[in-house]
């Protein structure tokens, strides 16, 4: 929830923030999958396999990291909002990382 930029910063009550972060995390996931799809079409087989391994490990990290953050709230009402915000922020960050690493491949 504290990641900058926060797409749901001024949404209002907790329930509306949860809905906002769920929608934002779905958009971030869609953006990541779209970029990943472009990469799949441009990478050599060996490079694609390496990216797939990295991506599977990243998903495990994201899920474990967001579960750890969620558990800090002891199952309270803020937990779902925090988890959705965590997933959104890390997914958006991953797309940025992939762009930094691979944009040049798409440009050649």
Protein backbone atom coordinates (compact mmCIF):
# COMPACT_ATOMS: atom_id res chain seq x y z
CA UNK A 1 0.00 0.00 0.00
CA UNK A 2 2.97 2.26 0.51
CA UNK A 3 4.64 1.61 -2.84
CA UNK A 4 5.05 4.64 -5.03
CA UNK A 5 3.22 5.22 -7.26
CA UNK A 6 0.15 3.91 -5.45
CA UNK A 7 -2.79 3.64 -7.86
CA UNK A 8 -5.29 3.58 -4.98
CA UNK A 9 -3.87 6.21 -2.65
CA UNK A 10 -6.87 8.51 -2.51
CA UNK A 11 -9.67 5.97 -2.97
CA UNK A 12 -11.16 6.18 0.51
CA UNK A 13 -12.35 3.49 2.93
CA UNK A 14 -10.61 0.13 3.28
CA UNK A 15 -13.26 -1.79 1.33
CA UNK A 16 -12.90 0.56 -1.65
CA UNK A 17 -9.11 0.36 -1.42
CA UNK A 18 -9.30 -3.45 -1.52
CA UNK A 19 -11.47 -3.33 -4.65
CA UNK A 20 -9.12 -0.77 -6.22
CA UNK A 21 -6.00 -2.82 -5.48
CA UNK A 22 -7.64 -6.01 -6.75
CA UNK A 23 -8.48 -4.27 -10.02
CA UNK A 24 -5.02 -2.68 -10.18
CA UNK A 25 -3.33 -6.05 -9.54
CA UNK A 26 -5.37 -7.61 -12.35
CA UNK A 27 -4.29 -4.79 -14.68
CA UNK A 28 -0.66 -5.19 -13.61
CA UNK A 29 -0.90 -8.94 -14.25
CA UNK A 30 -2.44 -8.33 -17.67
CA UNK A 31 0.35 -5.87 -18.53
CA UNK A 32 3.02 -8.33 -17.37
CA UNK A 33 1.50 -11.18 -19.35
CA UNK A 34 1.25 -9.03 -22.48
CA UNK A 35 4.91 -8.06 -22.25
CA UNK A 36 5.92 -11.65 -21.47
CA UNK A 37 4.00 -12.79 -24.54
CA UNK A 38 5.93 -10.35 -26.72
CA UNK A 39 9.19 -11.65 -25.30
CA UNK A 40 8.23 -15.26 -25.97
CA UNK A 41 7.85 -14.41 -29.64
CA UNK A 42 11.31 -12.80 -29.86
CA UNK A 43 13.60 -14.91 -27.68
CA UNK A 44 15.73 -17.83 -28.77
CA UNK A 45 14.70 -21.16 -27.23
CA UNK A 46 17.52 -21.25 -24.66
CA UNK A 47 16.90 -17.66 -23.55
CA UNK A 48 13.18 -18.33 -23.31
CA UNK A 49 13.79 -21.36 -21.07
CA UNK A 50 15.95 -19.24 -18.77
CA UNK A 51 13.29 -16.55 -18.62
CA UNK A 52 10.60 -19.15 -17.85
CA UNK A 53 12.67 -20.50 -14.94
CA UNK A 54 13.22 -16.99 -13.63
CA UNK A 55 9.55 -16.12 -14.01
CA UNK A 56 8.39 -19.23 -12.13
CA UNK A 57 10.78 -18.40 -9.30
CA UNK A 58 9.64 -14.79 -9.30
CA UNK A 59 5.98 -15.88 -8.92
CA UNK A 60 6.98 -18.03 -5.94
CA UNK A 61 8.86 -15.07 -4.44
CA UNK A 62 5.96 -12.66 -5.04
CA UNK A 63 3.44 -14.98 -3.46
CA UNK A 64 5.65 -15.78 -0.45
CA UNK A 65 6.54 -12.13 0.05
CA UNK A 66 2.92 -10.98 -0.10
CA UNK A 67 1.84 -13.78 2.24
CA UNK A 68 4.50 -12.67 4.71
CA UNK A 69 3.27 -9.09 4.52
CA UNK A 70 -0.37 -10.22 4.87
CA UNK A 71 0.48 -12.22 7.99
CA UNK A 72 1.74 -9.05 9.70
CA UNK A 73 -1.92 -8.01 9.93
CA UNK A 74 -2.98 -11.20 11.72
CA UNK A 75 -5.92 -11.84 9.45
CA UNK A 76 -7.42 -8.45 10.23
CA UNK A 77 -9.53 -6.40 7.88
CA UNK A 78 -6.49 -4.66 6.37
CA UNK A 79 -4.93 -7.99 5.34
CA UNK A 80 -6.72 -8.44 2.00
CA UNK A 81 -5.97 -4.85 1.02
CA UNK A 82 -2.31 -5.25 1.91
CA UNK A 83 -2.02 -8.52 -0.01
CA UNK A 84 -3.65 -7.07 -3.14
CA UNK A 85 -1.47 -3.96 -2.90
CA UNK A 86 1.64 -6.10 -2.52
CA UNK A 87 0.78 -8.23 -5.55
CA UNK A 88 0.04 -5.11 -7.61
CA UNK A 89 3.28 -3.36 -6.66
CA UNK A 90 5.53 -6.37 -7.19
CA UNK A 91 3.89 -7.28 -10.49
CA UNK A 92 4.24 -3.72 -11.76
CA UNK A 93 7.86 -3.75 -10.60
CA UNK A 94 8.51 -7.05 -12.40
CA UNK A 95 7.22 -5.62 -15.66
CA UNK A 96 9.60 -2.70 -15.25
CA UNK A 97 12.48 -5.11 -14.56
CA UNK A 98 11.70 -7.16 -17.65
CA UNK A 99 11.51 -4.01 -19.77
CA UNK A 100 14.89 -2.91 -18.47
CA UNK A 101 16.39 -6.30 -19.25
CA UNK A 102 14.69 -7.14 -22.55
CA UNK A 103 13.41 -4.03 -24.36
CA UNK A 104 16.51 -4.03 -26.54
CA UNK A 105 15.57 -7.51 -27.77
CA UNK A 106 12.22 -6.25 -28.97
CA UNK A 107 13.81 -3.26 -30.67
CA UNK A 108 16.26 -5.20 -32.84
